[in-house]
N, C-alpha and C. Protein backbone atom coordinates (compact mmCIF):
# COMPACT_ATOMS: atom_id res chain seq x y z
N MET A 1 84.07 74.98 72.04
CA MET A 1 85.12 75.97 71.77
C MET A 1 86.48 75.37 72.15
N ALA A 2 87.43 75.46 71.25
CA ALA A 2 88.76 74.89 71.48
C ALA A 2 89.52 75.72 72.50
N VAL A 3 90.27 75.02 73.34
CA VAL A 3 91.10 75.68 74.34
C VAL A 3 92.47 75.95 73.76
N ASN A 4 92.96 77.15 73.92
CA ASN A 4 94.27 77.52 73.42
C ASN A 4 95.33 77.17 74.46
N TRP A 5 95.92 75.99 74.35
CA TRP A 5 96.93 75.55 75.30
C TRP A 5 98.29 76.17 75.01
N GLU A 6 98.45 76.79 73.85
CA GLU A 6 99.74 77.37 73.50
C GLU A 6 100.02 78.65 74.27
N LEU A 7 98.98 79.36 74.65
CA LEU A 7 99.10 80.61 75.42
C LEU A 7 100.02 81.61 74.72
N ARG A 8 99.82 81.76 73.43
CA ARG A 8 100.66 82.68 72.67
C ARG A 8 100.44 84.12 73.13
N GLY A 9 101.54 84.82 73.33
CA GLY A 9 101.47 86.22 73.73
C GLY A 9 100.99 86.45 75.14
N CYS A 10 101.03 85.40 75.97
CA CYS A 10 100.48 85.56 77.33
C CYS A 10 101.41 86.33 78.25
N CYS A 11 102.71 86.30 77.97
CA CYS A 11 103.65 86.83 78.96
C CYS A 11 104.61 87.84 78.32
N ASP A 12 104.56 89.07 78.82
CA ASP A 12 105.54 90.05 78.37
C ASP A 12 106.75 89.99 79.30
N HIS A 13 107.68 90.93 79.14
CA HIS A 13 108.92 90.90 79.92
C HIS A 13 108.64 91.00 81.42
N ASP A 14 107.79 91.93 81.83
CA ASP A 14 107.50 92.10 83.25
C ASP A 14 106.80 90.88 83.84
N GLN A 15 105.91 90.27 83.08
CA GLN A 15 105.22 89.08 83.56
C GLN A 15 106.18 87.91 83.75
N ARG A 16 107.12 87.77 82.85
CA ARG A 16 108.12 86.70 82.99
C ARG A 16 108.99 86.92 84.21
N ILE A 17 109.36 88.18 84.47
CA ILE A 17 110.15 88.49 85.66
C ILE A 17 109.34 88.17 86.92
N PHE A 18 108.05 88.51 86.91
CA PHE A 18 107.18 88.24 88.05
C PHE A 18 107.08 86.74 88.32
N ILE A 19 106.85 85.95 87.28
CA ILE A 19 106.75 84.50 87.44
C ILE A 19 108.06 83.92 87.95
N ALA A 20 109.17 84.42 87.41
CA ALA A 20 110.49 83.95 87.85
C ALA A 20 110.73 84.31 89.31
N ALA A 21 110.32 85.52 89.71
CA ALA A 21 110.51 85.96 91.10
C ALA A 21 109.71 85.09 92.06
N VAL A 22 108.48 84.76 91.69
CA VAL A 22 107.66 83.87 92.52
C VAL A 22 108.32 82.49 92.62
N GLY A 23 108.81 81.98 91.50
CA GLY A 23 109.46 80.68 91.50
C GLY A 23 110.72 80.66 92.34
N VAL A 24 111.56 81.68 92.18
CA VAL A 24 112.80 81.76 92.96
C VAL A 24 112.48 81.90 94.45
N SER A 25 111.51 82.74 94.79
CA SER A 25 111.12 82.91 96.19
C SER A 25 110.65 81.59 96.79
N THR A 26 109.86 80.84 96.03
CA THR A 26 109.36 79.55 96.51
C THR A 26 110.49 78.58 96.79
N VAL A 27 111.43 78.47 95.85
CA VAL A 27 112.56 77.55 96.02
C VAL A 27 113.42 77.96 97.20
N VAL A 28 113.73 79.25 97.31
CA VAL A 28 114.57 79.74 98.41
C VAL A 28 113.90 79.46 99.76
N ILE A 29 112.61 79.74 99.86
CA ILE A 29 111.89 79.54 101.11
C ILE A 29 111.88 78.06 101.51
N LEU A 30 111.59 77.18 100.56
CA LEU A 30 111.54 75.75 100.87
C LEU A 30 112.92 75.21 101.25
N LEU A 31 113.96 75.69 100.58
CA LEU A 31 115.32 75.23 100.89
C LEU A 31 115.80 75.72 102.25
N LEU A 32 115.41 76.94 102.62
CA LEU A 32 115.91 77.55 103.86
C LEU A 32 114.90 77.51 104.99
N TRP A 33 113.82 76.74 104.81
CA TRP A 33 112.71 76.77 105.78
C TRP A 33 113.18 76.47 107.20
N ARG A 34 114.06 75.52 107.39
CA ARG A 34 114.48 75.11 108.72
C ARG A 34 115.75 75.81 109.20
N THR A 35 116.16 76.84 108.50
CA THR A 35 117.36 77.58 108.89
C THR A 35 116.99 78.89 109.58
N PHE A 36 117.98 79.44 110.29
CA PHE A 36 117.75 80.69 111.01
C PHE A 36 117.61 81.89 110.07
N LEU A 37 118.04 81.74 108.83
CA LEU A 37 118.01 82.86 107.89
C LEU A 37 116.60 83.36 107.63
N LEU A 38 115.63 82.47 107.69
CA LEU A 38 114.24 82.86 107.42
C LEU A 38 113.47 83.21 108.69
N THR A 39 114.12 83.10 109.84
CA THR A 39 113.40 83.30 111.10
C THR A 39 112.63 84.61 111.17
N PRO A 40 113.22 85.76 110.83
CA PRO A 40 112.44 87.01 110.91
C PRO A 40 111.18 86.99 110.04
N PHE A 41 111.29 86.44 108.83
CA PHE A 41 110.13 86.39 107.94
C PHE A 41 109.11 85.36 108.43
N LYS A 42 109.58 84.26 109.03
CA LYS A 42 108.64 83.28 109.57
C LYS A 42 107.89 83.87 110.76
N LEU A 43 108.57 84.67 111.55
CA LEU A 43 107.92 85.29 112.70
C LEU A 43 106.87 86.31 112.27
N ILE A 44 107.17 87.06 111.22
CA ILE A 44 106.17 88.03 110.74
C ILE A 44 105.01 87.30 110.08
N THR A 45 105.27 86.12 109.54
CA THR A 45 104.19 85.29 109.00
C THR A 45 103.30 84.77 110.13
N VAL A 46 103.92 84.37 111.24
CA VAL A 46 103.15 83.97 112.42
C VAL A 46 102.31 85.14 112.93
N PHE A 47 102.89 86.33 112.88
CA PHE A 47 102.15 87.53 113.29
C PHE A 47 100.89 87.72 112.45
N LEU A 48 101.01 87.58 111.14
CA LEU A 48 99.84 87.72 110.27
C LEU A 48 98.84 86.58 110.48
N HIS A 49 99.36 85.40 110.80
CA HIS A 49 98.50 84.26 111.13
C HIS A 49 97.65 84.56 112.36
N GLU A 50 98.31 85.07 113.41
CA GLU A 50 97.58 85.39 114.64
C GLU A 50 96.65 86.59 114.43
N THR A 51 97.06 87.53 113.60
CA THR A 51 96.20 88.67 113.28
C THR A 51 94.90 88.20 112.62
N SER A 52 95.00 87.16 111.81
CA SER A 52 93.81 86.61 111.15
C SER A 52 92.84 86.02 112.17
N HIS A 53 93.38 85.33 113.18
CA HIS A 53 92.52 84.84 114.27
C HIS A 53 91.81 86.01 114.95
N ALA A 54 92.59 87.07 115.23
CA ALA A 54 92.03 88.23 115.94
C ALA A 54 90.94 88.91 115.11
N LEU A 55 91.19 89.08 113.81
CA LEU A 55 90.19 89.73 112.95
C LEU A 55 88.92 88.89 112.85
N ALA A 56 89.08 87.57 112.77
CA ALA A 56 87.91 86.69 112.71
C ALA A 56 87.10 86.79 113.99
N CYS A 57 87.79 86.93 115.11
CA CYS A 57 87.10 87.09 116.39
C CYS A 57 86.29 88.38 116.41
N LYS A 58 86.92 89.48 116.00
CA LYS A 58 86.22 90.77 116.01
C LYS A 58 85.05 90.78 115.03
N LEU A 59 85.23 90.16 113.86
CA LEU A 59 84.18 90.14 112.85
C LEU A 59 82.99 89.27 113.26
N THR A 60 83.21 88.36 114.22
CA THR A 60 82.10 87.54 114.72
C THR A 60 81.66 88.00 116.12
N CYS A 61 81.93 89.29 116.38
CA CYS A 61 81.44 89.96 117.60
C CYS A 61 82.08 89.42 118.88
N GLY A 62 83.31 88.95 118.80
CA GLY A 62 84.04 88.51 119.98
C GLY A 62 85.01 89.59 120.44
N ASP A 63 85.73 89.30 121.52
CA ASP A 63 86.72 90.22 122.07
C ASP A 63 88.10 89.57 122.03
N VAL A 64 89.09 90.32 121.57
CA VAL A 64 90.48 89.85 121.57
C VAL A 64 91.14 90.31 122.86
N GLU A 65 91.54 89.36 123.69
CA GLU A 65 92.10 89.70 125.00
C GLU A 65 93.62 89.76 124.98
N GLY A 66 94.24 89.27 123.93
CA GLY A 66 95.70 89.34 123.85
C GLY A 66 96.23 88.59 122.64
N MET A 67 97.41 88.98 122.20
CA MET A 67 98.06 88.31 121.08
C MET A 67 99.55 88.28 121.33
N GLN A 68 100.17 87.12 121.14
CA GLN A 68 101.59 86.96 121.38
C GLN A 68 102.24 86.20 120.23
N VAL A 69 103.49 86.57 119.94
CA VAL A 69 104.35 85.82 119.03
C VAL A 69 105.64 85.54 119.77
N HIS A 70 106.10 84.29 119.72
CA HIS A 70 107.26 83.88 120.50
C HIS A 70 108.45 83.54 119.61
N ALA A 71 109.63 83.55 120.21
CA ALA A 71 110.87 83.32 119.47
C ALA A 71 110.95 81.91 118.89
N ASN A 72 110.19 80.97 119.43
CA ASN A 72 110.20 79.60 118.90
C ASN A 72 109.27 79.43 117.71
N GLU A 73 108.84 80.55 117.15
CA GLU A 73 107.97 80.60 115.96
C GLU A 73 106.54 80.17 116.27
N GLY A 74 106.19 80.19 117.53
CA GLY A 74 104.82 79.92 117.93
C GLY A 74 104.09 81.21 118.24
N GLY A 75 102.79 81.14 118.30
CA GLY A 75 101.99 82.32 118.62
C GLY A 75 100.68 81.91 119.24
N VAL A 76 100.03 82.85 119.89
CA VAL A 76 98.74 82.57 120.50
C VAL A 76 97.91 83.85 120.50
N THR A 77 96.65 83.70 120.22
CA THR A 77 95.69 84.80 120.29
C THR A 77 94.59 84.41 121.26
N GLN A 78 94.45 85.20 122.32
CA GLN A 78 93.42 84.90 123.33
C GLN A 78 92.15 85.66 122.99
N THR A 79 91.06 84.92 122.84
CA THR A 79 89.79 85.53 122.45
C THR A 79 88.69 85.12 123.42
N ARG A 80 87.65 85.90 123.43
CA ARG A 80 86.47 85.59 124.23
C ARG A 80 85.24 85.89 123.39
N GLY A 81 84.35 84.92 123.29
CA GLY A 81 83.17 85.10 122.46
C GLY A 81 83.49 84.87 120.99
N GLY A 82 82.61 85.33 120.14
CA GLY A 82 82.78 85.11 118.71
C GLY A 82 82.35 83.71 118.31
N ILE A 83 82.52 83.39 117.06
CA ILE A 83 82.14 82.08 116.53
C ILE A 83 83.39 81.22 116.41
N TYR A 84 83.50 80.24 117.30
CA TYR A 84 84.72 79.46 117.46
C TYR A 84 85.14 78.76 116.17
N TRP A 85 84.18 78.17 115.44
CA TRP A 85 84.54 77.40 114.25
C TRP A 85 84.91 78.29 113.07
N ILE A 86 84.73 79.60 113.21
CA ILE A 86 85.25 80.55 112.22
C ILE A 86 86.62 81.07 112.65
N ILE A 87 86.76 81.32 113.95
CA ILE A 87 88.02 81.87 114.48
C ILE A 87 89.17 80.88 114.31
N LEU A 88 88.93 79.60 114.61
CA LEU A 88 90.01 78.61 114.58
C LEU A 88 90.67 78.46 113.20
N PRO A 89 89.92 78.22 112.13
CA PRO A 89 90.59 78.05 110.83
C PRO A 89 91.04 79.35 110.20
N ALA A 90 90.69 80.49 110.81
CA ALA A 90 91.02 81.78 110.20
C ALA A 90 92.52 82.02 110.11
N GLY A 91 93.31 81.35 110.96
CA GLY A 91 94.75 81.56 110.93
C GLY A 91 95.37 81.15 109.61
N TYR A 92 95.15 79.90 109.22
CA TYR A 92 95.74 79.41 107.97
C TYR A 92 95.02 79.94 106.75
N LEU A 93 93.70 80.11 106.85
CA LEU A 93 92.98 80.75 105.74
C LEU A 93 93.46 82.19 105.56
N GLY A 94 93.71 82.85 106.69
CA GLY A 94 94.22 84.22 106.64
C GLY A 94 95.61 84.28 106.04
N SER A 95 96.46 83.29 106.35
CA SER A 95 97.79 83.25 105.75
C SER A 95 97.69 83.18 104.23
N SER A 96 96.77 82.36 103.73
CA SER A 96 96.56 82.28 102.28
C SER A 96 96.07 83.61 101.72
N PHE A 97 95.15 84.24 102.46
CA PHE A 97 94.59 85.52 102.00
C PHE A 97 95.66 86.60 101.96
N TRP A 98 96.43 86.74 103.05
CA TRP A 98 97.47 87.77 103.07
C TRP A 98 98.54 87.48 102.03
N GLY A 99 98.84 86.20 101.81
CA GLY A 99 99.79 85.85 100.76
C GLY A 99 99.32 86.33 99.40
N MET A 100 98.04 86.08 99.11
CA MET A 100 97.47 86.54 97.84
C MET A 100 97.53 88.06 97.72
N VAL A 101 97.16 88.76 98.80
CA VAL A 101 97.15 90.23 98.78
C VAL A 101 98.55 90.78 98.51
N PHE A 102 99.55 90.27 99.22
CA PHE A 102 100.91 90.78 99.05
C PHE A 102 101.47 90.44 97.67
N ILE A 103 101.19 89.25 97.18
CA ILE A 103 101.69 88.86 95.86
C ILE A 103 101.08 89.75 94.77
N LEU A 104 99.77 89.95 94.82
CA LEU A 104 99.11 90.80 93.83
C LEU A 104 99.57 92.25 93.95
N ALA A 105 99.77 92.71 95.19
CA ALA A 105 100.20 94.10 95.40
C ALA A 105 101.59 94.35 94.83
N SER A 106 102.42 93.32 94.79
CA SER A 106 103.80 93.50 94.33
C SER A 106 103.91 93.70 92.82
N THR A 107 102.82 93.55 92.10
CA THR A 107 102.87 93.67 90.63
C THR A 107 102.85 95.10 90.14
N ASN A 108 102.62 96.06 91.04
CA ASN A 108 102.50 97.46 90.65
C ASN A 108 103.16 98.32 91.71
N LEU A 109 103.86 99.36 91.30
CA LEU A 109 104.58 100.19 92.27
C LEU A 109 103.63 100.89 93.23
N LEU A 110 102.49 101.38 92.74
CA LEU A 110 101.54 102.06 93.60
C LEU A 110 100.95 101.10 94.64
N THR A 111 100.51 99.93 94.19
CA THR A 111 99.93 98.97 95.13
C THR A 111 100.99 98.42 96.09
N THR A 112 102.23 98.37 95.62
CA THR A 112 103.32 97.97 96.52
C THR A 112 103.46 98.96 97.66
N ARG A 113 103.41 100.26 97.33
CA ARG A 113 103.49 101.29 98.36
C ARG A 113 102.30 101.22 99.31
N ILE A 114 101.11 101.00 98.76
CA ILE A 114 99.91 100.90 99.59
C ILE A 114 100.02 99.72 100.55
N ALA A 115 100.46 98.57 100.03
CA ALA A 115 100.61 97.37 100.87
C ALA A 115 101.64 97.60 101.96
N ALA A 116 102.76 98.23 101.59
CA ALA A 116 103.81 98.50 102.58
C ALA A 116 103.31 99.47 103.64
N GLY A 117 102.57 100.50 103.22
CA GLY A 117 102.03 101.47 104.18
C GLY A 117 101.04 100.84 105.13
N CYS A 118 100.14 100.01 104.61
CA CYS A 118 99.16 99.33 105.47
C CYS A 118 99.85 98.36 106.42
N PHE A 119 100.88 97.70 105.93
CA PHE A 119 101.63 96.76 106.76
C PHE A 119 102.32 97.49 107.91
N ILE A 120 102.95 98.61 107.60
CA ILE A 120 103.61 99.40 108.65
C ILE A 120 102.59 99.91 109.66
N LEU A 121 101.43 100.36 109.18
CA LEU A 121 100.38 100.84 110.08
C LEU A 121 99.91 99.72 111.02
N ALA A 122 99.71 98.51 110.47
CA ALA A 122 99.29 97.38 111.29
C ALA A 122 100.35 97.04 112.34
N LEU A 123 101.61 97.05 111.93
CA LEU A 123 102.70 96.77 112.87
C LEU A 123 102.76 97.83 113.96
N PHE A 124 102.52 99.09 113.57
CA PHE A 124 102.56 100.19 114.54
C PHE A 124 101.45 100.05 115.57
N ILE A 125 100.26 99.65 115.12
CA ILE A 125 99.14 99.47 116.05
C ILE A 125 99.43 98.33 117.02
N VAL A 126 99.91 97.20 116.49
CA VAL A 126 100.21 96.04 117.34
C VAL A 126 101.35 96.35 118.30
N LEU A 127 102.23 97.24 117.91
CA LEU A 127 103.34 97.64 118.78
C LEU A 127 102.85 98.10 120.14
N PHE A 128 101.66 98.69 120.19
CA PHE A 128 101.13 99.24 121.44
C PHE A 128 100.14 98.30 122.14
N VAL A 129 99.66 97.29 121.44
CA VAL A 129 98.69 96.38 122.07
C VAL A 129 99.26 94.98 122.28
N ALA A 130 100.51 94.76 121.89
CA ALA A 130 101.12 93.43 122.02
C ALA A 130 101.22 93.03 123.49
N GLU A 131 101.10 91.72 123.74
CA GLU A 131 101.13 91.19 125.10
C GLU A 131 102.54 90.88 125.58
N ASN A 132 103.50 90.74 124.68
CA ASN A 132 104.86 90.43 125.10
C ASN A 132 105.86 91.31 124.36
N TRP A 133 107.02 91.48 124.98
CA TRP A 133 108.03 92.37 124.43
C TRP A 133 108.64 91.82 123.15
N PHE A 134 108.70 90.52 122.99
CA PHE A 134 109.26 89.95 121.76
C PHE A 134 108.46 90.40 120.55
N LEU A 135 107.14 90.38 120.66
CA LEU A 135 106.30 90.83 119.55
C LEU A 135 106.50 92.32 119.29
N ARG A 136 106.67 93.10 120.35
CA ARG A 136 106.92 94.54 120.17
C ARG A 136 108.22 94.78 119.40
N TRP A 137 109.28 94.07 119.78
CA TRP A 137 110.55 94.23 119.09
C TRP A 137 110.47 93.74 117.65
N LEU A 138 109.70 92.67 117.43
CA LEU A 138 109.50 92.18 116.07
C LEU A 138 108.82 93.23 115.21
N CYS A 139 107.77 93.83 115.74
CA CYS A 139 107.05 94.88 115.00
C CYS A 139 107.96 96.07 114.71
N LEU A 140 108.69 96.50 115.73
CA LEU A 140 109.59 97.64 115.56
C LEU A 140 110.67 97.33 114.52
N GLY A 141 111.22 96.12 114.57
CA GLY A 141 112.26 95.74 113.62
C GLY A 141 111.77 95.75 112.19
N PHE A 142 110.56 95.25 111.97
CA PHE A 142 110.03 95.22 110.60
C PHE A 142 109.56 96.59 110.14
N ILE A 143 109.13 97.44 111.06
CA ILE A 143 108.81 98.82 110.68
C ILE A 143 110.05 99.51 110.13
N VAL A 144 111.17 99.35 110.84
CA VAL A 144 112.43 99.96 110.40
C VAL A 144 112.89 99.33 109.09
N PHE A 145 112.80 98.00 108.99
CA PHE A 145 113.24 97.28 107.79
C PHE A 145 112.46 97.72 106.56
N ILE A 146 111.13 97.73 106.65
CA ILE A 146 110.30 98.13 105.52
C ILE A 146 110.55 99.59 105.16
N ALA A 147 110.71 100.45 106.18
CA ALA A 147 110.96 101.87 105.93
C ALA A 147 112.27 102.08 105.19
N VAL A 148 113.32 101.37 105.61
CA VAL A 148 114.62 101.50 104.95
C VAL A 148 114.55 101.01 103.51
N VAL A 149 113.90 99.87 103.29
CA VAL A 149 113.75 99.33 101.94
C VAL A 149 112.95 100.29 101.07
N TRP A 150 111.93 100.90 101.66
CA TRP A 150 111.09 101.87 100.93
C TRP A 150 111.92 103.07 100.49
N VAL A 151 112.75 103.58 101.39
CA VAL A 151 113.60 104.73 101.06
C VAL A 151 114.57 104.37 99.93
N ILE A 152 115.14 103.16 100.00
CA ILE A 152 116.05 102.71 98.94
C ILE A 152 115.34 102.69 97.59
N GLN A 153 114.10 102.21 97.58
CA GLN A 153 113.35 102.15 96.32
C GLN A 153 113.08 103.54 95.77
N GLU A 154 112.72 104.48 96.65
CA GLU A 154 112.35 105.82 96.19
C GLU A 154 113.53 106.61 95.65
N PHE A 155 114.73 106.32 96.14
CA PHE A 155 115.89 107.13 95.77
C PHE A 155 116.88 106.40 94.87
N THR A 156 116.53 105.20 94.44
CA THR A 156 117.36 104.47 93.49
C THR A 156 116.47 103.90 92.39
N SER A 157 117.09 103.31 91.39
CA SER A 157 116.32 102.71 90.29
C SER A 157 115.97 101.25 90.57
N PHE A 158 116.40 100.73 91.72
CA PHE A 158 116.15 99.34 92.07
C PHE A 158 114.87 99.24 92.89
N HIS A 159 113.85 98.62 92.35
CA HIS A 159 112.56 98.52 93.02
C HIS A 159 112.54 97.34 94.00
N VAL A 160 113.35 97.47 95.04
CA VAL A 160 113.53 96.35 95.98
C VAL A 160 112.29 96.12 96.84
N LEU A 161 111.52 97.17 97.09
CA LEU A 161 110.36 97.03 97.99
C LEU A 161 109.35 96.02 97.44
N LYS A 162 109.12 96.04 96.14
CA LYS A 162 108.12 95.13 95.58
C LYS A 162 108.56 93.68 95.70
N TYR A 163 109.88 93.44 95.68
CA TYR A 163 110.36 92.07 95.84
C TYR A 163 110.27 91.61 97.29
N VAL A 164 110.43 92.54 98.22
CA VAL A 164 110.24 92.22 99.64
C VAL A 164 108.77 91.89 99.91
N ILE A 165 107.87 92.71 99.37
CA ILE A 165 106.43 92.46 99.52
C ILE A 165 106.06 91.13 98.87
N LEU A 166 106.61 90.85 97.70
CA LEU A 166 106.36 89.58 97.02
C LEU A 166 106.85 88.41 97.87
N PHE A 167 108.04 88.54 98.43
CA PHE A 167 108.62 87.46 99.25
C PHE A 167 107.76 87.18 100.47
N ILE A 168 107.28 88.24 101.13
CA ILE A 168 106.39 88.07 102.28
C ILE A 168 105.10 87.37 101.85
N GLY A 169 104.60 87.73 100.67
CA GLY A 169 103.39 87.10 100.16
C GLY A 169 103.57 85.61 99.90
N VAL A 170 104.66 85.25 99.24
CA VAL A 170 104.94 83.84 98.97
C VAL A 170 105.15 83.08 100.27
N MET A 171 105.82 83.73 101.22
CA MET A 171 106.07 83.10 102.53
C MET A 171 104.75 82.77 103.22
N ASN A 172 103.81 83.69 103.20
CA ASN A 172 102.51 83.45 103.83
C ASN A 172 101.74 82.36 103.11
N SER A 173 101.80 82.36 101.79
CA SER A 173 101.09 81.34 101.03
C SER A 173 101.63 79.95 101.33
N LEU A 174 102.94 79.82 101.42
CA LEU A 174 103.54 78.52 101.72
C LEU A 174 103.29 78.12 103.17
N PHE A 175 103.26 79.10 104.06
CA PHE A 175 103.03 78.81 105.48
C PHE A 175 101.67 78.15 105.68
N SER A 176 100.70 78.55 104.88
CA SER A 176 99.34 78.03 105.05
C SER A 176 99.24 76.55 104.68
N VAL A 177 100.15 76.06 103.83
CA VAL A 177 100.08 74.66 103.41
C VAL A 177 101.27 73.83 103.89
N TYR A 178 102.37 74.48 104.26
CA TYR A 178 103.59 73.76 104.61
C TYR A 178 104.01 73.97 106.06
N GLY A 179 103.71 75.14 106.59
CA GLY A 179 104.22 75.50 107.91
C GLY A 179 103.77 74.58 109.01
N ASP A 180 102.51 74.11 108.96
CA ASP A 180 102.00 73.31 110.07
C ASP A 180 102.70 71.97 110.18
N SER A 181 103.27 71.47 109.10
CA SER A 181 103.87 70.14 109.12
C SER A 181 105.36 70.18 109.44
N SER A 182 105.94 71.37 109.59
CA SER A 182 107.39 71.46 109.69
C SER A 182 107.93 71.29 111.10
N ARG A 183 107.47 72.16 112.05
CA ARG A 183 108.08 72.13 113.37
C ARG A 183 107.07 72.12 114.50
N LEU A 184 105.93 72.74 114.29
CA LEU A 184 104.96 72.86 115.37
C LEU A 184 104.06 71.63 115.38
N SER A 185 104.14 70.85 116.47
CA SER A 185 103.43 69.58 116.52
C SER A 185 101.96 69.75 116.84
N PHE A 186 101.57 70.85 117.46
CA PHE A 186 100.17 71.02 117.83
C PHE A 186 99.82 72.48 117.62
N SER A 187 98.88 72.72 116.76
CA SER A 187 98.62 74.10 116.34
C SER A 187 97.15 74.33 116.17
N ALA A 188 96.83 75.51 115.63
CA ALA A 188 95.43 75.84 115.38
C ALA A 188 94.79 74.85 114.42
N LEU A 189 95.58 74.30 113.50
CA LEU A 189 95.03 73.31 112.58
C LEU A 189 94.55 72.08 113.33
N GLN A 190 95.37 71.62 114.31
CA GLN A 190 94.96 70.46 115.09
C GLN A 190 93.73 70.78 115.92
N TYR A 191 93.69 71.97 116.51
CA TYR A 191 92.50 72.37 117.26
C TYR A 191 91.27 72.37 116.37
N THR A 192 91.43 72.84 115.14
CA THR A 192 90.30 72.87 114.20
C THR A 192 89.81 71.47 113.90
N LEU A 193 90.76 70.54 113.67
CA LEU A 193 90.38 69.16 113.39
C LEU A 193 89.66 68.54 114.58
N ASP A 194 90.18 68.81 115.79
CA ASP A 194 89.53 68.28 116.99
C ASP A 194 88.13 68.85 117.16
N TRP A 195 88.00 70.16 116.91
CA TRP A 195 86.70 70.81 117.03
C TRP A 195 85.71 70.25 116.01
N SER A 196 86.20 70.01 114.78
CA SER A 196 85.35 69.44 113.74
C SER A 196 84.89 68.04 114.13
N TYR A 197 85.79 67.28 114.77
CA TYR A 197 85.44 65.93 115.21
C TYR A 197 84.35 65.99 116.28
N CYS A 198 84.44 66.98 117.16
CA CYS A 198 83.45 67.12 118.22
C CYS A 198 82.07 67.47 117.66
N LEU A 199 82.04 68.12 116.50
CA LEU A 199 80.78 68.55 115.92
C LEU A 199 80.08 67.44 115.13
N GLU A 200 80.77 66.30 114.93
CA GLU A 200 80.16 65.22 114.17
C GLU A 200 78.90 64.73 114.89
N GLY A 201 77.83 64.62 114.15
CA GLY A 201 76.58 64.16 114.73
C GLY A 201 75.76 65.26 115.36
N SER A 202 76.31 66.50 115.36
CA SER A 202 75.57 67.62 115.92
C SER A 202 74.68 68.22 114.84
N PRO A 203 73.68 69.04 115.22
CA PRO A 203 72.80 69.64 114.21
C PRO A 203 73.50 70.61 113.29
N PHE A 204 74.78 70.98 113.57
CA PHE A 204 75.52 71.88 112.69
C PHE A 204 76.02 71.13 111.47
């Protein structure tokens, strides 16, 4: 069967806008990655990264003893029990997963609202279980930010919320492949590589 490389009729107006928005977001993020302008979004990306570690711990019957996000764009999740070789890579795999979820959610107004609501709920929960005040202020700041953007979308014709959700999604997707090489010299990725090296020659 011949493959149709022409892709005739593949993209309508909304699809072209979506592709352009993803492209623009990618370029902006890569250009501004090392600047302070992206710091709030990078910190919330670190938050989702650490949340992925915590969820992997709970799903493998472990206990989460604490989670922190710091101003230097670092984070740590303290766990006890669970399956270590699943918990360790869950951070970057989770970043890819959350990126996919947010990007897909941004394609529809209803799913955009659902994603924003779930995100606010997650931030609200972490607000009370966070181990440091910086993470609490980060959660509170993004709760207010998302709420304000949501109100703007509901009372104007500009659907800004879906572009914010899309931007967060692209940010998480890029963080999973680019973030580890930028500023943090030793991270969960390095721990995973070290752990994998230790398992060489083992029955696993």
